[in-house]
Amino acid sequence: MRTFFGVLLLVLGAPLLVAGGVAAAYVGPDNTVEVIEEQITTDAAVVATTPSALNATGPTLHVTADAGEAPTFIGIAHPVHVDSYLDDVTVEQITGIGWRGGLTHSVLGGGETTPRADPAGLDWWRDHATGSGAQQISFEMTDEPVRLVLASADLRTPVTVQLFVDAEIEGLFVTALLVGAGGVIFIVGGILLLRAGRRRRAEERALDADIETDTDTDLAATLGESDPSPPEPPPAPPTPPQRPGTLPRLAVIGGAGALFLTGCAQLPGTAETGPHSTVPAVTPDAAEAFFEHYTEINNEANSQQDPELISTVETGPLLQTSQMGYEIQQVQGRDPIEPFTIAPSIVAAPGFDAYPMWFVAVSDPADGAGYYLVTREDASSPWLVSLSVYPSEDAPLVEPAIDGGVAERAGGDLPVRGADVLESVAEFAETGDEPEDVDVSHAGGLDSLHEHGLHLPEGDDEYVDVERTCSMADDDVQWLAAEGGAFAMTSISCTQTAVMTDDDFHMRLDEDGFGILPGDTELRETEITHGVSFIVAVSDDGSATVIGESMLPYDMDYTEP
């Protein structure tokens, strides 16, 4: 039996020793093995993997793209971003990796030959690199799905690039050494068992010889006597000496080694992508970088009163007020707005599974609280601020609920309650009648929006037709969870239209004018729009609060007789 187990251990130990040694030499102390080395040539402007091609967890991948002297871009990002970026673009897709490291390709046709934006200028990459020569990125493979993107830095075609992928598996080198050490243990154990078996057989043969000699002597003595009684049987041979515990010790060593080996290397697994189909709209670093850029562009546009420049960082109602403000400043000869810094301390970014995306940022109350709604239409578009609210210093603070870096969307009946409050706010803006069960003490310009525009002298209303209409900026208001309730940002604008009904009556402005309407001007018709951006906060207890900023001009137009 010892011989059998000895041979078995030798048979098992030899390949373990060879495999462990070869693996340790191949892997090296950096725990890295080569997975892919392939040249890719395509007429498409972009090469990208599908999410299933990198559907694993555990290793850290080091991906290198080398197009020689041609500038190359390489990046890794969540599929939500990459899908939007490559929407309607012809792509050379890497759909899988063969067991020998070969890649399977397929061309996905689209309406466009290249993406609309330079990939290096986008902020949603987990990691990216661009330049001439070899460009490398590294990323840990987790349950979060990813897509790898390769392209020429200037998005030119065709693309010819050498792709190298190395996988770094934690503990792989040590595991290889331990496998080799396990092989040595098995081989030594096998040799010891074989030697013990040979020694036991030698001892048994010697014992058999002694027994045979003693038996012959006893038989001769018996034959020399006259006693007719039968001879007594020879005593049983003593048990041969053993080395106690050899097999148990080897079993314990082997078992402990196996348990240790299974815990050393971080073996790859299959990604569980189900719970990760969404991605936060923006990372804190990307939000910080955006507001640094916004501060710079906003101050430059303000100093130059440049409506085109401000449109590169603003949109929606905020852009309207900024551009209208520049026009009024120029007509009235006002000084530009002084520079100021926007540095939010809170970024509330909800998760999305598709574009468009948005997030809310809140600046430090110590610097004067400001709330910003930032939107992005698709992955190729820049972030733009669509709303800002600067409430009074005594207004209550609204704190978004954030869990694990992701803003929580409001649930339950809170959005329904909020929609009812918005309806009452719209009526308040148009009529001035305060809604019941809604605190409007911090509503800012909402309490005077119902009387904005030109004020007609008494008696002139006989010759002037005046109408006022109000509307919300967005019917699809998004609600975020807050401490003790929910909140949303939106704006409402009201337009006053005044038409002179008597051809012989003309309204003349005083010398100060009104907005872009110059002083001493006779008017035949005017259309003036003002608006207020505000926050609606609804609480779990059923109460609601409106927090608004000052009323600002959105648009003005007039005709003379």
Protein backbone atom coordinates (compact mmCIF):
# COMPACT_ATOMS: atom_id res chain seq x y z
CA MET A 1 0.00 0.00 0.00
CA ARG A 2 2.87 2.39 0.83
CA THR A 3 4.36 1.71 -2.57
CA PHE A 4 1.03 2.53 -4.25
CA PHE A 5 0.64 5.82 -2.40
CA GLY A 6 4.29 6.67 -2.96
CA VAL A 7 3.93 6.21 -6.72
CA LEU A 8 0.67 8.19 -6.65
CA LEU A 9 2.32 11.13 -4.91
CA LEU A 10 5.19 11.07 -7.41
CA VAL A 11 2.73 11.03 -10.31
CA LEU A 12 0.85 13.99 -8.81
CA GLY A 13 3.89 15.93 -7.64
CA ALA A 14 5.90 15.91 -10.86
CA PRO A 15 3.37 17.84 -13.01
CA LEU A 16 2.65 20.22 -10.11
CA LEU A 17 6.33 21.01 -9.81
CA VAL A 18 6.72 21.55 -13.55
CA ALA A 19 3.47 23.56 -13.87
CA GLY A 20 4.26 25.75 -10.87
CA GLY A 21 7.79 26.45 -12.01
CA VAL A 22 6.81 27.25 -15.59
CA ALA A 23 3.88 29.41 -14.44
CA ALA A 24 6.04 31.35 -11.96
CA ALA A 25 8.66 31.99 -14.66
CA TYR A 26 5.96 33.10 -17.15
CA VAL A 27 3.96 35.28 -14.75
CA GLY A 28 6.82 36.93 -12.91
CA PRO A 29 6.61 38.92 -9.67
CA ASP A 30 4.22 41.48 -11.26
CA ASN A 31 1.40 38.85 -11.36
CA THR A 32 0.74 39.70 -15.03
CA VAL A 33 0.04 37.44 -17.99
CA GLU A 34 -0.41 38.36 -21.63
CA VAL A 35 -3.98 37.87 -22.86
CA ILE A 36 -4.14 39.51 -26.28
CA GLU A 37 -1.64 40.68 -28.88
CA GLU A 38 -3.31 41.48 -32.18
CA GLN A 39 -3.14 44.04 -34.96
CA ILE A 40 -6.49 45.60 -35.87
CA THR A 41 -7.06 47.27 -39.23
CA THR A 42 -10.45 48.75 -40.11
CA ASP A 43 -12.07 51.38 -42.31
CA ALA A 44 -14.26 52.43 -39.38
CA ALA A 45 -13.23 55.45 -37.31
CA VAL A 46 -13.79 53.64 -34.00
CA VAL A 47 -13.00 50.19 -32.59
CA ALA A 48 -15.03 49.23 -29.51
CA THR A 49 -15.72 46.14 -27.45
CA THR A 50 -19.22 45.01 -26.58
CA PRO A 51 -20.03 44.78 -22.85
CA SER A 52 -20.07 40.98 -23.04
CA ALA A 53 -16.50 40.88 -24.37
CA LEU A 54 -15.21 42.12 -21.01
CA ASN A 55 -17.75 40.34 -18.83
CA ALA A 56 -15.42 39.24 -16.02
CA THR A 57 -14.42 40.30 -12.53
CA GLY A 58 -11.20 40.18 -10.56
CA PRO A 59 -8.18 40.94 -12.76
CA THR A 60 -6.77 44.37 -13.48
CA LEU A 61 -6.37 44.80 -17.23
CA HIS A 62 -3.48 46.79 -18.70
CA VAL A 63 -4.48 47.72 -22.25
CA THR A 64 -1.98 49.22 -24.69
CA ALA A 65 -2.75 50.62 -28.13
CA ASP A 66 0.12 51.47 -30.46
CA ALA A 67 -0.43 53.04 -33.88
CA GLY A 68 3.18 54.12 -34.31
CA GLU A 69 3.54 57.81 -35.12
CA ALA A 70 -0.19 58.28 -35.61
CA PRO A 71 -1.92 59.84 -32.58
CA THR A 72 -4.10 57.27 -30.84
CA PHE A 73 -6.94 57.45 -28.34
CA ILE A 74 -7.81 54.64 -25.92
CA GLY A 75 -10.49 54.80 -23.23
CA ILE A 76 -12.72 52.70 -20.99
CA ALA A 77 -16.20 53.74 -19.82
CA HIS A 78 -19.66 52.56 -18.79
CA PRO A 79 -21.80 51.29 -21.73
CA VAL A 80 -24.46 53.97 -21.05
CA HIS A 81 -21.93 56.64 -22.03
CA VAL A 82 -20.29 54.73 -24.87
CA ASP A 83 -23.63 53.65 -26.38
CA SER A 84 -24.76 57.28 -26.55
CA TYR A 85 -21.39 58.45 -27.89
CA LEU A 86 -21.37 55.86 -30.68
CA ASP A 87 -25.07 56.12 -31.50
CA ASP A 88 -25.53 56.03 -35.32
CA VAL A 89 -21.74 55.70 -35.83
CA THR A 90 -20.10 52.92 -37.85
CA VAL A 91 -18.03 50.87 -35.39
CA GLU A 92 -15.63 47.93 -35.67
CA GLN A 93 -16.92 45.86 -32.75
CA ILE A 94 -14.89 43.34 -30.78
CA THR A 95 -17.56 40.87 -29.79
CA GLY A 96 -15.49 38.22 -28.04
CA ILE A 97 -12.08 36.84 -27.08
CA GLY A 98 -11.17 33.31 -28.20
CA TRP A 99 -9.57 30.70 -25.97
CA ARG A 100 -6.21 31.37 -27.66
CA GLY A 101 -6.55 35.12 -27.23
CA GLY A 102 -7.87 35.79 -30.72
CA LEU A 103 -10.52 38.47 -31.20
CA THR A 104 -13.81 38.13 -33.04
CA HIS A 105 -14.92 41.22 -34.98
CA SER A 106 -18.08 42.52 -36.56
CA VAL A 107 -18.88 45.86 -38.20
CA LEU A 108 -21.91 47.67 -36.82
CA GLY A 109 -23.19 50.07 -39.45
CA GLY A 110 -24.50 53.53 -38.66
CA GLY A 111 -25.56 56.72 -40.35
CA GLU A 112 -22.43 58.65 -39.36
CA THR A 113 -18.81 57.81 -40.10
CA THR A 114 -17.37 59.49 -37.00
CA PRO A 115 -18.64 60.64 -33.58
CA ARG A 116 -19.61 64.29 -33.19
CA ALA A 117 -17.10 65.09 -30.44
CA ASP A 118 -13.42 64.56 -29.77
CA PRO A 119 -13.29 61.63 -27.30
CA ALA A 120 -10.39 63.08 -25.29
CA GLY A 121 -12.49 66.12 -24.33
CA LEU A 122 -15.25 64.14 -22.60
CA ASP A 123 -15.37 63.70 -18.83
CA TRP A 124 -17.08 60.33 -18.40
CA TRP A 125 -14.11 58.04 -19.15
CA ARG A 126 -13.02 55.86 -16.23
CA ASP A 127 -9.53 56.06 -17.71
CA HIS A 128 -8.23 57.26 -21.06
CA ALA A 129 -5.01 58.20 -22.84
CA THR A 130 -4.18 59.91 -26.11
CA GLY A 131 -1.01 60.70 -28.04
CA SER A 132 1.56 59.28 -30.44
CA GLY A 133 3.21 55.94 -29.80
CA ALA A 134 2.04 53.37 -27.29
CA GLN A 135 -0.85 54.56 -25.11
CA GLN A 136 -1.85 52.54 -22.04
CA ILE A 137 -4.75 52.49 -19.59
CA SER A 138 -5.40 50.22 -16.62
CA PHE A 139 -8.65 49.32 -14.94
CA GLU A 140 -9.94 46.76 -12.46
CA MET A 141 -12.65 44.48 -13.79
CA THR A 142 -15.68 44.59 -11.48
CA ASP A 143 -19.40 43.87 -11.73
CA GLU A 144 -19.84 47.28 -13.36
CA PRO A 145 -19.99 46.74 -17.16
CA VAL A 146 -17.50 48.55 -19.38
CA ARG A 147 -16.71 49.13 -23.06
CA LEU A 148 -13.22 49.71 -24.44
CA VAL A 149 -12.85 52.28 -27.23
CA LEU A 150 -9.94 52.70 -29.66
CA ALA A 151 -9.68 55.42 -32.31
CA SER A 152 -7.26 57.78 -33.95
CA ALA A 153 -7.04 60.91 -31.82
CA ASP A 154 -8.38 63.03 -34.70
CA LEU A 155 -11.05 60.42 -35.62
CA ARG A 156 -9.57 59.83 -39.06
CA THR A 157 -9.90 56.59 -40.99
CA PRO A 158 -8.67 53.95 -41.62
CA VAL A 159 -7.48 52.82 -38.21
CA THR A 160 -4.50 50.48 -37.85
CA VAL A 161 -3.48 49.76 -34.29
CA GLN A 162 -1.59 47.08 -32.41
CA LEU A 163 -3.55 45.99 -29.35
CA PHE A 164 -1.93 44.45 -26.28
CA VAL A 165 -3.91 43.29 -23.24
CA ASP A 166 -2.24 41.99 -20.07
CA ALA A 167 -4.17 40.68 -17.07
CA GLU A 168 -2.84 41.28 -13.58
CA ILE A 169 -4.21 38.72 -11.12
CA GLU A 170 -3.43 39.39 -7.49
CA GLY A 171 -1.43 36.58 -5.87
CA LEU A 172 -0.87 34.66 -9.12
CA PHE A 173 2.95 34.55 -8.83
CA VAL A 174 2.84 33.39 -5.21
CA THR A 175 0.20 30.81 -6.14
CA ALA A 176 2.45 29.45 -8.91
CA LEU A 177 5.34 29.17 -6.45
CA LEU A 178 3.11 27.38 -3.95
CA VAL A 179 1.88 24.99 -6.63
CA GLY A 180 5.52 24.15 -7.38
CA ALA A 181 6.19 23.83 -3.65
CA GLY A 182 3.17 21.51 -3.37
CA GLY A 183 4.69 19.38 -6.13
CA VAL A 184 7.95 19.19 -4.17
CA ILE A 185 6.04 18.13 -1.05
CA PHE A 186 4.25 15.37 -2.98
CA ILE A 187 7.49 14.15 -4.54
CA VAL A 188 9.33 14.10 -1.20
CA GLY A 189 6.36 12.38 0.41
CA GLY A 190 6.30 9.78 -2.39
CA ILE A 191 10.01 9.08 -2.01
CA LEU A 192 9.63 8.70 1.76
CA LEU A 193 6.73 6.29 1.29
CA LEU A 194 8.66 4.21 -1.25
CA ARG A 195 11.69 4.03 1.04
CA ALA A 196 9.48 3.10 4.00
CA GLY A 197 7.88 0.37 1.90
CA ARG A 198 11.22 -1.09 0.92
CA ARG A 199 12.45 -0.97 4.51
CA ARG A 200 9.29 -2.71 5.72
CA ARG A 201 9.64 -5.48 3.17
CA ALA A 202 13.30 -6.00 4.17
CA GLU A 203 12.34 -6.18 7.83
CA GLU A 204 9.56 -8.66 7.04
CA ARG A 205 11.97 -10.88 5.10
CA ALA A 206 14.48 -10.84 7.98
CA LEU A 207 11.75 -11.66 10.47
CA ASP A 208 10.54 -14.55 8.32
CA ALA A 209 14.08 -15.95 8.23
CA ASP A 210 14.39 -15.77 12.04
CA ILE A 211 11.05 -17.49 12.50
CA GLU A 212 12.04 -20.27 10.12
CA THR A 213 15.32 -20.87 12.04
CA ASP A 214 13.57 -20.96 15.41
CA THR A 215 11.01 -23.41 14.06
CA ASP A 216 13.70 -25.81 12.77
CA THR A 217 15.50 -25.79 16.16
CA ASP A 218 12.34 -26.49 18.08
CA LEU A 219 11.45 -29.32 15.70
CA ALA A 220 14.84 -30.97 16.15
CA ALA A 221 14.58 -30.78 19.94
CA THR A 222 11.13 -32.23 19.79
CA LEU A 223 12.25 -35.18 17.64
CA GLY A 224 15.08 -35.95 20.12
CA GLU A 225 12.67 -36.43 23.05
CA SER A 226 10.24 -39.32 23.78
CA ASP A 227 7.36 -37.08 24.83
CA PRO A 228 4.50 -37.97 22.52
CA SER A 229 2.59 -34.72 23.11
CA PRO A 230 2.21 -32.48 20.04
CA PRO A 231 4.56 -29.46 19.68
CA GLU A 232 3.33 -26.07 20.74
CA PRO A 233 2.69 -23.61 17.92
CA PRO A 234 5.36 -20.95 17.37
CA PRO A 235 4.67 -17.49 18.84
CA ALA A 236 3.16 -14.87 16.56
CA PRO A 237 5.72 -12.61 14.90
CA PRO A 238 6.00 -9.16 16.43
CA THR A 239 4.51 -6.23 14.53
CA PRO A 240 7.19 -4.61 12.38
CA PRO A 241 8.23 -1.14 13.54
CA GLN A 242 6.49 1.85 11.73
CA ARG A 243 7.12 5.54 11.48
CA PRO A 244 3.96 6.75 13.16
CA GLY A 245 1.83 9.45 11.50
CA THR A 246 3.53 9.61 8.06
CA LEU A 247 0.34 9.42 5.98
CA PRO A 248 -1.70 11.62 8.35
CA ARG A 249 1.01 14.27 8.31
CA LEU A 250 1.15 14.26 4.51
CA ALA A 251 -2.64 14.46 4.35
CA VAL A 252 -2.67 17.45 6.68
CA ILE A 253 0.12 19.18 4.77
CA GLY A 254 -1.55 18.51 1.43
CA GLY A 255 -4.96 19.65 2.67
CA ALA A 256 -3.57 22.81 4.24
CA GLY A 257 -1.64 23.54 1.08
CA ALA A 258 -4.75 23.13 -1.05
CA LEU A 259 -6.76 25.46 1.19
CA PHE A 260 -3.96 28.02 1.11
CA LEU A 261 -3.64 27.85 -2.67
CA THR A 262 -7.35 28.45 -3.18
CA GLY A 263 -7.11 31.67 -1.16
CA CYS A 264 -3.98 33.11 -2.79
CA ALA A 265 -4.94 33.92 -6.37
CA GLN A 266 -7.90 36.20 -7.11
CA LEU A 267 -9.42 33.97 -9.75
CA PRO A 268 -11.56 35.69 -12.42
CA GLY A 269 -15.32 35.40 -12.17
CA THR A 270 -18.33 36.31 -14.30
CA ALA A 271 -19.70 39.83 -13.88
CA GLU A 272 -23.15 40.26 -12.35
CA THR A 273 -24.23 43.21 -14.50
CA GLY A 274 -27.93 43.24 -13.65
CA PRO A 275 -27.91 45.72 -10.72
CA HIS A 276 -25.45 48.00 -12.53
CA SER A 277 -27.48 48.98 -15.59
CA THR A 278 -27.42 52.62 -14.44
CA VAL A 279 -24.57 55.04 -13.88
CA PRO A 280 -24.44 58.29 -11.89
CA ALA A 281 -24.85 61.30 -14.16
CA VAL A 282 -21.48 62.75 -13.15
CA THR A 283 -18.59 61.96 -10.85
CA PRO A 284 -17.55 64.47 -8.15
CA ASP A 285 -14.25 65.13 -9.97
CA ALA A 286 -16.03 65.76 -13.28
CA ALA A 287 -18.54 68.07 -11.57
CA GLU A 288 -15.73 70.04 -9.94
CA ALA A 289 -13.92 70.36 -13.28
CA PHE A 290 -17.12 71.54 -14.97
CA PHE A 291 -17.78 74.29 -12.43
CA GLU A 292 -14.19 75.49 -12.68
CA HIS A 293 -14.74 75.75 -16.43
CA TYR A 294 -18.16 77.35 -15.94
CA THR A 295 -16.74 79.96 -13.56
CA GLU A 296 -14.03 80.89 -16.08
CA ILE A 297 -16.36 81.12 -19.10
CA ASN A 298 -19.16 82.82 -17.16
CA ASN A 299 -16.87 85.57 -15.88
CA GLU A 300 -15.32 86.09 -19.31
CA ALA A 301 -18.72 86.25 -21.01
CA ASN A 302 -20.01 88.65 -18.35
CA SER A 303 -17.02 90.96 -18.73
CA GLN A 304 -17.44 91.05 -22.52
CA GLN A 305 -21.26 90.87 -22.44
CA ASP A 306 -20.89 88.10 -25.02
CA PRO A 307 -24.15 86.19 -25.70
CA GLU A 308 -22.44 83.58 -27.89
CA LEU A 309 -19.77 82.71 -25.33
CA ILE A 310 -22.25 82.29 -22.49
CA SER A 311 -24.26 79.86 -24.64
CA THR A 312 -21.34 77.40 -24.47
CA VAL A 313 -21.99 76.83 -20.75
CA GLU A 314 -25.67 77.74 -20.25
CA THR A 315 -29.01 76.77 -21.73
CA GLY A 316 -32.75 77.13 -21.09
CA PRO A 317 -34.14 79.84 -18.79
CA LEU A 318 -30.72 80.73 -17.35
CA LEU A 319 -29.31 81.42 -20.82
CA GLN A 320 -32.33 83.59 -21.61
CA THR A 321 -31.80 85.75 -18.54
CA SER A 322 -28.04 86.02 -19.13
CA GLN A 323 -28.37 87.10 -22.75
CA MET A 324 -31.23 89.47 -21.96
CA GLY A 325 -29.15 90.94 -19.15
CA TYR A 326 -26.25 91.65 -21.54
CA GLU A 327 -28.58 93.41 -23.96
CA ILE A 328 -30.05 95.59 -21.21
CA GLN A 329 -26.57 96.44 -19.89
CA GLN A 330 -25.48 97.56 -23.34
CA VAL A 331 -28.63 99.61 -24.05
CA GLN A 332 -28.50 101.31 -20.65
CA GLY A 333 -24.71 101.61 -20.53
CA ARG A 334 -24.36 99.59 -17.34
CA ASP A 335 -21.08 98.12 -16.11
CA PRO A 336 -20.52 94.36 -16.53
CA ILE A 337 -21.13 92.01 -13.63
CA GLU A 338 -18.15 91.63 -11.31
CA PRO A 339 -16.33 88.27 -11.45
CA PHE A 340 -17.36 85.63 -8.93
CA THR A 341 -16.54 81.98 -8.21
CA ILE A 342 -18.98 79.08 -8.30
CA ALA A 343 -17.76 76.13 -6.22
CA PRO A 344 -20.55 73.72 -5.17
CA SER A 345 -20.00 71.71 -2.00
CA ILE A 346 -22.77 69.18 -2.76
CA VAL A 347 -23.28 67.28 -6.02
CA ALA A 348 -26.55 65.35 -6.23
CA ALA A 349 -26.26 63.10 -9.30
CA PRO A 350 -29.00 60.48 -9.80
CA GLY A 351 -28.42 57.27 -11.77
CA PHE A 352 -29.41 56.93 -15.43
CA ASP A 353 -29.62 54.10 -17.94
CA ALA A 354 -29.75 56.45 -20.94
CA TYR A 355 -29.34 60.08 -21.94
CA PRO A 356 -30.34 62.89 -21.46
CA MET A 357 -28.86 63.29 -17.98
CA TRP A 358 -28.89 65.95 -15.28
CA PHE A 359 -27.69 66.66 -11.77
CA VAL A 360 -28.16 69.28 -9.06
CA ALA A 361 -25.30 71.11 -7.34
CA VAL A 362 -25.46 73.24 -4.19
CA SER A 363 -22.83 75.77 -3.16
CA ASP A 364 -21.67 76.25 0.41
CA PRO A 365 -24.21 78.28 2.41
CA ALA A 366 -21.30 80.14 4.05
CA ASP A 367 -20.60 81.69 0.63
CA GLY A 368 -24.28 82.34 -0.09
CA ALA A 369 -26.26 79.26 -1.05
CA GLY A 370 -26.81 78.72 -4.75
CA TYR A 371 -28.61 75.84 -6.48
CA TYR A 372 -27.80 74.74 -10.04
CA LEU A 373 -29.55 72.35 -12.41
CA VAL A 374 -27.03 71.05 -14.94
CA THR A 375 -28.11 69.08 -18.02
CA ARG A 376 -26.49 67.09 -20.80
CA GLU A 377 -28.39 66.04 -23.93
CA ASP A 378 -26.13 63.14 -24.95
CA ALA A 379 -22.65 61.79 -24.31
CA SER A 380 -21.13 63.98 -27.04
CA SER A 381 -22.65 67.20 -25.69
CA PRO A 382 -21.18 69.47 -23.02
CA TRP A 383 -22.72 69.99 -19.63
CA LEU A 384 -24.87 73.16 -19.55
CA VAL A 385 -26.43 74.98 -16.59
CA SER A 386 -30.13 75.40 -17.32
CA LEU A 387 -31.32 76.83 -13.99
CA SER A 388 -29.82 78.64 -11.04
CA VAL A 389 -31.53 79.78 -7.87
CA TYR A 390 -29.95 82.27 -5.47
CA PRO A 391 -32.42 82.57 -2.57
CA SER A 392 -32.35 85.12 0.22
CA GLU A 393 -29.96 84.53 3.12
CA ASP A 394 -32.79 83.69 5.52
CA ALA A 395 -34.36 81.08 3.22
CA PRO A 396 -34.31 77.48 4.51
CA LEU A 397 -31.65 75.17 3.09
CA VAL A 398 -32.59 72.16 0.97
CA GLU A 399 -30.25 69.20 1.43
CA PRO A 400 -30.42 66.44 -1.22
CA ALA A 401 -30.44 62.82 0.01
CA ILE A 402 -27.36 61.00 -1.31
CA ASP A 403 -26.64 57.30 -0.79
CA GLY A 404 -23.32 55.81 -1.88
CA GLY A 405 -22.52 58.86 -4.01
CA VAL A 406 -25.82 58.62 -5.93
CA ALA A 407 -28.71 61.05 -5.41
CA GLU A 408 -31.97 59.36 -4.48
CA ARG A 409 -35.04 60.04 -6.57
CA ALA A 410 -38.19 60.93 -4.67
CA GLY A 411 -40.70 58.13 -4.26
CA GLY A 412 -44.15 57.50 -2.91
CA ASP A 413 -46.71 60.30 -3.01
CA LEU A 414 -44.19 63.13 -2.75
CA PRO A 415 -43.93 63.82 -6.53
CA VAL A 416 -47.73 63.84 -6.77
CA ARG A 417 -47.95 66.31 -3.89
CA GLY A 418 -45.21 68.37 -5.56
CA ALA A 419 -47.11 68.50 -8.86
CA ASP A 420 -50.16 69.88 -7.03
CA VAL A 421 -48.00 72.56 -5.40
CA LEU A 422 -46.57 73.57 -8.78
CA GLU A 423 -50.08 74.12 -10.11
CA SER A 424 -50.87 76.43 -7.20
CA VAL A 425 -47.55 78.25 -7.71
CA ALA A 426 -48.40 78.87 -11.36
CA GLU A 427 -51.72 80.40 -10.31
CA PHE A 428 -49.93 82.47 -7.65
CA ALA A 429 -47.49 83.82 -10.26
CA GLU A 430 -50.32 84.81 -12.58
CA THR A 431 -52.78 86.26 -10.06
CA GLY A 432 -50.85 87.04 -6.90
CA ASP A 433 -53.27 84.96 -4.80
CA GLU A 434 -51.26 83.06 -2.22
CA PRO A 435 -51.92 79.30 -2.21
CA GLU A 436 -53.14 77.54 0.89
CA ASP A 437 -50.83 75.20 2.80
CA VAL A 438 -47.77 76.47 0.89
CA ASP A 439 -45.16 78.71 2.49
CA VAL A 440 -44.36 81.48 -0.02
CA SER A 441 -42.55 83.78 2.41
CA HIS A 442 -39.27 83.02 0.61
CA ALA A 443 -40.70 82.93 -2.92
CA GLY A 444 -38.58 85.85 -4.13
CA GLY A 445 -39.87 87.42 -7.33
CA LEU A 446 -42.85 85.08 -7.56
CA ASP A 447 -44.93 87.39 -5.39
CA SER A 448 -44.57 90.27 -7.86
CA LEU A 449 -44.55 88.35 -11.14
CA HIS A 450 -48.27 88.96 -11.60
CA GLU A 451 -47.64 92.70 -12.01
CA HIS A 452 -44.42 92.69 -14.04
CA GLY A 453 -43.99 94.72 -17.23
CA LEU A 454 -45.08 98.26 -18.13
CA HIS A 455 -47.26 100.07 -15.63
CA LEU A 456 -49.90 102.10 -17.47
CA PRO A 457 -50.84 105.51 -16.04
CA GLU A 458 -54.41 105.75 -14.82
CA GLY A 459 -56.76 106.40 -17.71
CA ASP A 460 -54.44 105.04 -20.38
CA ASP A 461 -55.93 101.58 -20.01
CA GLU A 462 -58.90 102.82 -22.01
CA TYR A 463 -56.71 102.87 -25.11
CA VAL A 464 -54.53 99.82 -24.39
CA ASP A 465 -55.32 96.10 -24.52
CA VAL A 466 -53.18 94.24 -21.95
CA GLU A 467 -52.89 90.44 -21.62
CA ARG A 468 -50.74 88.32 -19.34
CA THR A 469 -49.92 84.62 -19.78
CA CYS A 470 -47.68 82.43 -17.62
CA SER A 471 -46.12 79.03 -18.17
CA MET A 472 -43.71 76.63 -16.51
CA ALA A 473 -40.36 76.11 -18.18
CA ASP A 474 -40.68 72.31 -18.14
CA ASP A 475 -43.73 70.10 -17.78
CA ASP A 476 -41.59 67.08 -16.87
CA VAL A 477 -40.15 68.28 -13.55
CA GLN A 478 -37.74 65.82 -11.90
CA TRP A 479 -37.97 65.22 -8.16
CA LEU A 480 -35.08 64.30 -5.89
CA ALA A 481 -35.30 63.01 -2.34
CA ALA A 482 -34.28 65.46 0.37
CA GLU A 483 -33.89 65.34 4.12
CA GLY A 484 -37.48 64.90 5.29
CA GLY A 485 -39.11 65.04 1.86
CA ALA A 486 -38.42 65.89 -1.78
CA PHE A 487 -37.60 68.88 -3.94
CA ALA A 488 -37.46 70.02 -7.57
CA MET A 489 -36.05 73.00 -9.48
CA THR A 490 -37.94 74.78 -12.23
CA SER A 491 -38.92 78.25 -13.41
CA ILE A 492 -42.03 80.08 -14.46
CA SER A 493 -42.25 83.00 -16.89
CA CYS A 494 -45.05 85.47 -17.57
CA THR A 495 -45.47 87.54 -20.73
CA GLN A 496 -47.25 90.90 -20.77
CA THR A 497 -48.57 91.91 -24.20
CA ALA A 498 -49.78 95.52 -24.58
CA VAL A 499 -51.40 96.75 -27.82
CA MET A 500 -52.60 100.32 -28.39
CA THR A 501 -56.23 100.11 -29.52
CA ASP A 502 -56.54 103.79 -30.54
CA ASP A 503 -54.49 104.83 -33.54
CA ASP A 504 -54.28 108.34 -32.20
CA PHE A 505 -52.92 107.19 -28.81
CA HIS A 506 -49.26 106.39 -28.33
CA MET A 507 -47.60 105.56 -25.06
CA ARG A 508 -44.34 107.44 -24.48
CA LEU A 509 -41.71 106.09 -22.07
CA ASP A 510 -39.95 108.45 -19.69
CA GLU A 511 -36.32 109.29 -20.19
CA ASP A 512 -35.07 106.32 -18.12
CA GLY A 513 -36.61 103.81 -20.53
CA PHE A 514 -37.47 100.24 -19.55
CA GLY A 515 -35.03 97.41 -20.12
CA ILE A 516 -34.07 97.52 -23.80
CA LEU A 517 -36.87 100.02 -24.53
CA PRO A 518 -35.09 103.37 -24.90
CA GLY A 519 -36.31 106.44 -23.07
CA ASP A 520 -38.68 108.94 -24.70
CA THR A 521 -39.84 106.24 -27.13
CA GLU A 522 -43.40 106.15 -28.46
CA LEU A 523 -44.77 102.62 -28.39
CA ARG A 524 -47.39 100.97 -30.54
CA GLU A 525 -47.04 97.45 -29.13
CA THR A 526 -44.87 95.75 -26.50
CA GLU A 527 -44.21 92.16 -25.45
CA ILE A 528 -42.26 91.80 -22.23
CA THR A 529 -41.41 88.50 -20.49
CA HIS A 530 -40.06 88.09 -16.98
CA GLY A 531 -39.47 84.91 -15.04
CA VAL A 532 -38.43 83.46 -11.71
CA SER A 533 -36.40 80.32 -11.05
CA PHE A 534 -37.36 78.58 -7.84
CA ILE A 535 -37.31 75.43 -5.71
CA VAL A 536 -40.38 73.59 -4.51
CA ALA A 537 -39.79 71.50 -1.38
CA VAL A 538 -42.48 69.13 -0.10
CA SER A 539 -42.19 67.45 3.29
CA ASP A 540 -43.25 64.07 4.58
CA ASP A 541 -45.70 65.82 6.90
CA GLY A 542 -47.61 67.31 3.93
CA SER A 543 -46.27 70.88 4.13
CA ALA A 544 -44.60 72.63 1.20
CA THR A 545 -42.24 75.58 0.75
CA VAL A 546 -41.38 77.68 -2.30
CA ILE A 547 -37.88 79.18 -2.40
CA GLY A 548 -37.29 81.60 -5.26
CA GLU A 549 -34.82 84.20 -6.47
CA SER A 550 -35.40 87.68 -7.87
CA MET A 551 -37.56 88.26 -10.93
CA LEU A 552 -35.38 88.60 -14.06
CA PRO A 553 -36.10 89.68 -17.66
CA TYR A 554 -36.34 86.86 -20.22
CA ASP A 555 -37.30 88.70 -23.40
CA MET A 556 -38.47 92.11 -24.64
CA ASP A 557 -39.82 93.37 -27.94
CA TYR A 558 -41.62 96.50 -29.11
CA THR A 559 -42.88 98.33 -32.19
CA GLU A 560 -43.11 102.06 -32.74
CA PRO A 561 -45.97 103.85 -34.55
